[in-house]
Amino acid sequence: MNEVKAEHAFSSGQVIKIVHGDITAESVDAIVNAANEHLAHGGGVAGVIARKGGPEIQRESDAWVREHGPVPTGGVAITGAGQLPCRAVIHAVGPIWHGGHEDEEGKLRSAALNSLKLAHEKGFQSIALPAISAGIFGFPKDRCARILLETAREFCDQHPASPLREIRFVLFDQPTPDAFLNEFRQQFALSS
């Protein structure tokens, strides 16, 4: 069962939440998949999404790559959600960690922002994101948390009338929710 660990409501009514649990169980308009450029969903979050969602997610991903080519780092693609309780899967390609180049942080920010913008463009009201690049791509969890939360906060500040009203960070393994909660408290000055 997914558990909300922290949330912040903006004056616009938009909400950012930290959730400990399984992203594939989220009943939102879209979930974000931490994907590779070929949308080959074999391991990590991508593998779980593809297994639980069914083979149509991989089929649609393969068709997307055939039509558009590989997704660049920082870019996104969208498919249906198969058997998942959401409407769509936004596949975001985050950077592979190579030791902290500024370019890697920029590409992670782009992957998160492009996910939020696509949800906005599609008229989605809710989205759930994992810790993009912090799993098998090796991005440090604390830096990932800082970048993703900053990006979500800036999106809400810059788009107060967006149809996107709820942004959830759904985190599974125990060190990741802790990193996000620490950063959440710093950014939103909470002591929850």
C-alpha atoms as a PDB file:
ATOM      1  CA  MET A   1       0.000   0.000   0.000  1.00  0.00           C
ATOM      2  CA  ASN A   2       1.420   3.359  -1.032  1.00  0.00           C
ATOM      3  CA  GLU A   3       1.872   5.873   1.774  1.00  0.00           C
ATOM      4  CA  VAL A   4       2.078   9.664   1.470  1.00  0.00           C
ATOM      5  CA  LYS A   5       5.074  10.774   3.541  1.00  0.00           C
ATOM      6  CA  ALA A   6       4.921  14.530   2.894  1.00  0.00           C
ATOM      7  CA  GLU A   7       3.008  17.028   0.808  1.00  0.00           C
ATOM      8  CA  HIS A   8       3.086  20.709  -0.014  1.00  0.00           C
ATOM      9  CA  ALA A   9       0.156  22.686  -1.401  1.00  0.00           C
ATOM     10  CA  PHE A  10       0.835  25.851  -3.402  1.00  0.00           C
ATOM     11  CA  SER A  11      -1.460  28.880  -3.308  1.00  0.00           C
ATOM     12  CA  SER A  12      -2.529  27.833  -6.830  1.00  0.00           C
ATOM     13  CA  GLY A  13      -3.948  24.609  -5.386  1.00  0.00           C
ATOM     14  CA  GLN A  14      -1.241  22.471  -6.992  1.00  0.00           C
ATOM     15  CA  VAL A  15       0.270  19.802  -4.744  1.00  0.00           C
ATOM     16  CA  ILE A  16       3.624  18.017  -4.623  1.00  0.00           C
ATOM     17  CA  LYS A  17       3.694  14.756  -2.653  1.00  0.00           C
ATOM     18  CA  ILE A  18       6.363  12.298  -1.573  1.00  0.00           C
ATOM     19  CA  VAL A  19       4.949   8.762  -1.629  1.00  0.00           C
ATOM     20  CA  HIS A  20       6.643   5.571  -0.433  1.00  0.00           C
ATOM     21  CA  GLY A  21       5.433   2.686  -2.540  1.00  0.00           C
ATOM     22  CA  ASP A  22       4.967   1.142  -5.967  1.00  0.00           C
ATOM     23  CA  ILE A  23       4.590   3.554  -8.903  1.00  0.00           C
ATOM     24  CA  THR A  24       2.701   0.912 -10.895  1.00  0.00           C
ATOM     25  CA  ALA A  25      -0.104   1.022  -8.283  1.00  0.00           C
ATOM     26  CA  GLU A  26      -0.706   4.772  -8.655  1.00  0.00           C
ATOM     27  CA  SER A  27      -4.134   5.779  -9.987  1.00  0.00           C
ATOM     28  CA  VAL A  28      -2.985   8.936 -11.759  1.00  0.00           C
ATOM     29  CA  ASP A  29      -3.326  10.194 -15.307  1.00  0.00           C
ATOM     30  CA  ALA A  30       0.311   9.360 -16.101  1.00  0.00           C
ATOM     31  CA  ILE A  31       3.262   7.661 -14.529  1.00  0.00           C
ATOM     32  CA  VAL A  32       6.817   8.401 -15.594  1.00  0.00           C
ATOM     33  CA  ASN A  33       9.110   5.566 -16.559  1.00  0.00           C
ATOM     34  CA  ALA A  34      12.857   5.992 -16.125  1.00  0.00           C
ATOM     35  CA  ALA A  35      13.735   4.733 -19.606  1.00  0.00           C
ATOM     36  CA  ASN A  36      16.757   4.244 -21.830  1.00  0.00           C
ATOM     37  CA  GLU A  37      17.010   5.894 -25.254  1.00  0.00           C
ATOM     38  CA  HIS A  38      15.746   2.809 -27.109  1.00  0.00           C
ATOM     39  CA  LEU A  39      12.751   2.374 -24.751  1.00  0.00           C
ATOM     40  CA  ALA A  40      13.889  -1.207 -24.111  1.00  0.00           C
ATOM     41  CA  HIS A  41      12.226  -1.862 -20.759  1.00  0.00           C
ATOM     42  CA  GLY A  42      14.343  -4.653 -19.300  1.00  0.00           C
ATOM     43  CA  GLY A  43      15.477  -3.648 -15.820  1.00  0.00           C
ATOM     44  CA  GLY A  44      14.833  -1.283 -12.944  1.00  0.00           C
ATOM     45  CA  VAL A  45      11.611   0.760 -12.861  1.00  0.00           C
ATOM     46  CA  ALA A  46      11.186   0.260 -16.618  1.00  0.00           C
ATOM     47  CA  GLY A  47      11.210  -3.519 -16.280  1.00  0.00           C
ATOM     48  CA  VAL A  48       8.614  -3.455 -13.511  1.00  0.00           C
ATOM     49  CA  ILE A  49       6.346  -1.109 -15.488  1.00  0.00           C
ATOM     50  CA  ALA A  50       6.610  -3.284 -18.605  1.00  0.00           C
ATOM     51  CA  ARG A  51       5.921  -6.515 -16.698  1.00  0.00           C
ATOM     52  CA  LYS A  52       2.952  -5.173 -14.742  1.00  0.00           C
ATOM     53  CA  GLY A  53       1.546  -3.176 -17.639  1.00  0.00           C
ATOM     54  CA  GLY A  54       1.764  -6.004 -20.133  1.00  0.00           C
ATOM     55  CA  PRO A  55       3.441  -6.475 -23.521  1.00  0.00           C
ATOM     56  CA  GLU A  56       1.542  -3.623 -25.204  1.00  0.00           C
ATOM     57  CA  ILE A  57       3.757  -1.058 -23.443  1.00  0.00           C
ATOM     58  CA  GLN A  58       6.888  -2.533 -25.036  1.00  0.00           C
ATOM     59  CA  ARG A  59       5.118  -2.902 -28.407  1.00  0.00           C
ATOM     60  CA  GLU A  60       4.052   0.757 -28.370  1.00  0.00           C
ATOM     61  CA  SER A  61       7.549   1.785 -27.251  1.00  0.00           C
ATOM     62  CA  ASP A  62       9.144  -0.159 -30.116  1.00  0.00           C
ATOM     63  CA  ALA A  63       6.736   1.494 -32.569  1.00  0.00           C
ATOM     64  CA  TRP A  64       7.575   4.939 -31.144  1.00  0.00           C
ATOM     65  CA  VAL A  65      11.316   4.359 -31.623  1.00  0.00           C
ATOM     66  CA  ARG A  66      10.771   3.018 -35.164  1.00  0.00           C
ATOM     67  CA  GLU A  67       8.822   6.171 -36.057  1.00  0.00           C
ATOM     68  CA  HIS A  68      10.841   8.829 -34.201  1.00  0.00           C
ATOM     69  CA  GLY A  69      14.249   7.260 -33.531  1.00  0.00           C
ATOM     70  CA  PRO A  70      15.894   6.893 -30.123  1.00  0.00           C
ATOM     71  CA  VAL A  71      14.796   9.295 -27.401  1.00  0.00           C
ATOM     72  CA  PRO A  72      17.641  11.699 -26.570  1.00  0.00           C
ATOM     73  CA  THR A  73      18.843  12.011 -22.986  1.00  0.00           C
ATOM     74  CA  GLY A  74      16.566  14.541 -21.311  1.00  0.00           C
ATOM     75  CA  GLY A  75      13.769  13.760 -23.762  1.00  0.00           C
ATOM     76  CA  VAL A  76      10.442  11.977 -23.372  1.00  0.00           C
ATOM     77  CA  ALA A  77       8.044   9.711 -25.269  1.00  0.00           C
ATOM     78  CA  ILE A  78       4.508   8.617 -24.402  1.00  0.00           C
ATOM     79  CA  THR A  79       2.634   5.329 -24.720  1.00  0.00           C
ATOM     80  CA  GLY A  80      -0.533   3.817 -23.375  1.00  0.00           C
ATOM     81  CA  ALA A  81      -0.479   2.196 -19.945  1.00  0.00           C
ATOM     82  CA  GLY A  82      -1.583  -1.346 -20.741  1.00  0.00           C
ATOM     83  CA  GLN A  83      -2.966  -3.012 -17.622  1.00  0.00           C
ATOM     84  CA  LEU A  84      -1.756  -0.298 -15.224  1.00  0.00           C
ATOM     85  CA  PRO A  85      -4.296   1.865 -13.347  1.00  0.00           C
ATOM     86  CA  CYS A  86      -3.046   5.070 -15.037  1.00  0.00           C
ATOM     87  CA  ARG A  87      -3.962   6.435 -18.478  1.00  0.00           C
ATOM     88  CA  ALA A  88      -0.480   6.795 -19.971  1.00  0.00           C
ATOM     89  CA  VAL A  89       3.207   6.147 -19.430  1.00  0.00           C
ATOM     90  CA  ILE A  90       5.635   8.985 -20.108  1.00  0.00           C
ATOM     91  CA  HIS A  91       9.071   7.497 -20.805  1.00  0.00           C
ATOM     92  CA  ALA A  92      11.778   9.934 -19.644  1.00  0.00           C
ATOM     93  CA  VAL A  93      15.405   9.299 -20.539  1.00  0.00           C
ATOM     94  CA  GLY A  94      17.617  10.472 -17.710  1.00  0.00           C
ATOM     95  CA  PRO A  95      21.407  10.647 -17.787  1.00  0.00           C
ATOM     96  CA  ILE A  96      23.740   7.855 -16.747  1.00  0.00           C
ATOM     97  CA  TRP A  97      25.903   9.063 -13.855  1.00  0.00           C
ATOM     98  CA  HIS A  98      29.558   9.534 -14.793  1.00  0.00           C
ATOM     99  CA  GLY A  99      30.753  11.527 -11.813  1.00  0.00           C
ATOM    100  CA  GLY A 100      28.926  14.800 -11.560  1.00  0.00           C
ATOM    101  CA  HIS A 101      29.311  16.832 -14.703  1.00  0.00           C
ATOM    102  CA  GLU A 102      27.019  19.853 -14.821  1.00  0.00           C
ATOM    103  CA  ASP A 103      25.656  18.512 -18.106  1.00  0.00           C
ATOM    104  CA  GLU A 104      24.301  15.419 -16.301  1.00  0.00           C
ATOM    105  CA  GLU A 105      22.315  17.581 -13.870  1.00  0.00           C
ATOM    106  CA  GLY A 106      20.930  19.638 -16.761  1.00  0.00           C
ATOM    107  CA  LYS A 107      19.810  16.519 -18.588  1.00  0.00           C
ATOM    108  CA  LEU A 108      18.111  15.146 -15.469  1.00  0.00           C
ATOM    109  CA  ARG A 109      16.309  18.475 -15.030  1.00  0.00           C
ATOM    110  CA  SER A 110      15.237  18.317 -18.702  1.00  0.00           C
ATOM    111  CA  ALA A 111      13.888  14.769 -18.326  1.00  0.00           C
ATOM    112  CA  ALA A 112      11.746  15.842 -15.355  1.00  0.00           C
ATOM    113  CA  LEU A 113      10.625  19.148 -16.894  1.00  0.00           C
ATOM    114  CA  ASN A 114       9.782  17.541 -20.245  1.00  0.00           C
ATOM    115  CA  SER A 115       7.677  14.949 -18.396  1.00  0.00           C
ATOM    116  CA  LEU A 116       5.735  17.688 -16.603  1.00  0.00           C
ATOM    117  CA  LYS A 117       5.334  19.737 -19.791  1.00  0.00           C
ATOM    118  CA  LEU A 118       4.014  16.723 -21.725  1.00  0.00           C
ATOM    119  CA  ALA A 119       1.509  15.976 -18.960  1.00  0.00           C
ATOM    120  CA  HIS A 120       0.476  19.652 -19.064  1.00  0.00           C
ATOM    121  CA  GLU A 121       0.074  19.551 -22.879  1.00  0.00           C
ATOM    122  CA  LYS A 122      -2.049  16.394 -22.664  1.00  0.00           C
ATOM    123  CA  GLY A 123      -4.330  18.025 -20.092  1.00  0.00           C
ATOM    124  CA  PHE A 124      -3.410  15.501 -17.403  1.00  0.00           C
ATOM    125  CA  GLN A 125      -4.306  16.447 -13.832  1.00  0.00           C
ATOM    126  CA  SER A 126      -1.965  14.071 -11.985  1.00  0.00           C
ATOM    127  CA  ILE A 127       1.435  12.501 -12.548  1.00  0.00           C
ATOM    128  CA  ALA A 128       3.699  10.129 -10.604  1.00  0.00           C
ATOM    129  CA  LEU A 129       7.469  10.187 -11.108  1.00  0.00           C
ATOM    130  CA  PRO A 130      10.181   7.837  -9.861  1.00  0.00           C
ATOM    131  CA  ALA A 131      13.689   8.944  -8.899  1.00  0.00           C
ATOM    132  CA  ILE A 132      14.767   9.225 -12.545  1.00  0.00           C
ATOM    133  CA  SER A 133      18.387   8.057 -13.057  1.00  0.00           C
ATOM    134  CA  ALA A 134      18.915   7.262  -9.331  1.00  0.00           C
ATOM    135  CA  GLY A 135      18.494   3.515  -9.782  1.00  0.00           C
ATOM    136  CA  ILE A 136      20.462   1.505 -12.317  1.00  0.00           C
ATOM    137  CA  PHE A 137      21.771   4.738 -13.968  1.00  0.00           C
ATOM    138  CA  GLY A 138      23.672   5.506 -10.727  1.00  0.00           C
ATOM    139  CA  PHE A 139      22.711   9.157 -10.132  1.00  0.00           C
ATOM    140  CA  PRO A 140      23.239  10.005  -6.417  1.00  0.00           C
ATOM    141  CA  LYS A 141      19.866   9.942  -4.657  1.00  0.00           C
ATOM    142  CA  ASP A 142      20.329  13.233  -2.793  1.00  0.00           C
ATOM    143  CA  ARG A 143      21.271  15.147  -5.951  1.00  0.00           C
ATOM    144  CA  CYS A 144      18.434  13.494  -7.854  1.00  0.00           C
ATOM    145  CA  ALA A 145      15.975  14.528  -5.123  1.00  0.00           C
ATOM    146  CA  ARG A 146      17.213  18.139  -5.191  1.00  0.00           C
ATOM    147  CA  ILE A 147      16.951  18.445  -8.975  1.00  0.00           C
ATOM    148  CA  LEU A 148      13.558  16.733  -9.318  1.00  0.00           C
ATOM    149  CA  LEU A 149      11.932  18.643  -6.458  1.00  0.00           C
ATOM    150  CA  GLU A 150      13.360  21.973  -7.658  1.00  0.00           C
ATOM    151  CA  THR A 151      12.048  21.257 -11.148  1.00  0.00           C
ATOM    152  CA  ALA A 152       8.565  20.378  -9.870  1.00  0.00           C
ATOM    153  CA  ARG A 153       8.466  23.462  -7.648  1.00  0.00           C
ATOM    154  CA  GLU A 154       9.561  25.725 -10.509  1.00  0.00           C
ATOM    155  CA  PHE A 155       6.954  24.156 -12.813  1.00  0.00           C
ATOM    156  CA  CYS A 156       4.191  24.892 -10.287  1.00  0.00           C
ATOM    157  CA  ASP A 157       5.466  28.451  -9.747  1.00  0.00           C
ATOM    158  CA  GLN A 158       5.604  29.124 -13.499  1.00  0.00           C
ATOM    159  CA  HIS A 159       2.349  27.337 -14.455  1.00  0.00           C
ATOM    160  CA  PRO A 160      -0.177  28.039 -11.659  1.00  0.00           C
ATOM    161  CA  ALA A 161      -3.134  27.564 -14.021  1.00  0.00           C
ATOM    162  CA  SER A 162      -1.844  24.283 -15.485  1.00  0.00           C
ATOM    163  CA  PRO A 163      -4.299  21.397 -15.656  1.00  0.00           C
ATOM    164  CA  LEU A 164      -1.543  19.436 -13.877  1.00  0.00           C
ATOM    165  CA  ARG A 165      -2.623  19.778 -10.238  1.00  0.00           C
ATOM    166  CA  GLU A 166      -0.805  16.936  -8.481  1.00  0.00           C
ATOM    167  CA  ILE A 167       2.816  15.849  -8.831  1.00  0.00           C
ATOM    168  CA  ARG A 168       3.766  12.745  -6.874  1.00  0.00           C
ATOM    169  CA  PHE A 169       7.263  11.353  -6.403  1.00  0.00           C
ATOM    170  CA  VAL A 170       6.685   7.645  -5.826  1.00  0.00           C
ATOM    171  CA  LEU A 171       9.755   5.962  -4.381  1.00  0.00           C
ATOM    172  CA  PHE A 172      10.182   2.291  -3.664  1.00  0.00           C
ATOM    173  CA  ASP A 173      13.514   1.335  -2.063  1.00  0.00           C
ATOM    174  CA  GLN A 174      14.122   2.693   1.437  1.00  0.00           C
ATOM    175  CA  PRO A 175      17.138   4.978   0.934  1.00  0.00           C
ATOM    176  CA  THR A 176      15.339   6.880  -1.850  1.00  0.00           C
ATOM    177  CA  PRO A 177      12.284   8.113   0.125  1.00  0.00           C
ATOM    178  CA  ASP A 178      14.657   9.249   2.885  1.00  0.00           C
ATOM    179  CA  ALA A 179      16.725  11.308   0.425  1.00  0.00           C
ATOM    180  CA  PHE A 180      13.591  12.880  -1.035  1.00  0.00           C
ATOM    181  CA  LEU A 181      12.105  13.633   2.388  1.00  0.00           C
ATOM    182  CA  ASN A 182      15.334  15.327   3.525  1.00  0.00           C
ATOM    183  CA  GLU A 183      15.372  17.491   0.413  1.00  0.00           C
ATOM    184  CA  PHE A 184      11.610  18.135   0.627  1.00  0.00           C
ATOM    185  CA  ARG A 185      12.027  19.476   4.176  1.00  0.00           C
ATOM    186  CA  GLN A 186      14.818  21.799   3.025  1.00  0.00           C
ATOM    187  CA  GLN A 187      12.961  23.135   0.005  1.00  0.00           C
ATOM    188  CA  PHE A 188       9.616  23.571   1.711  1.00  0.00           C
ATOM    189  CA  ALA A 189      10.911  24.366   5.230  1.00  0.00           C
ATOM    190  CA  LEU A 190       8.886  21.561   6.805  1.00  0.00           C
ATOM    191  CA  SER A 191       9.615  19.526   9.873  1.00  0.00           C
ATOM    192  CA  SER A 192       7.284  16.618   9.085  1.00  0.00           C
END
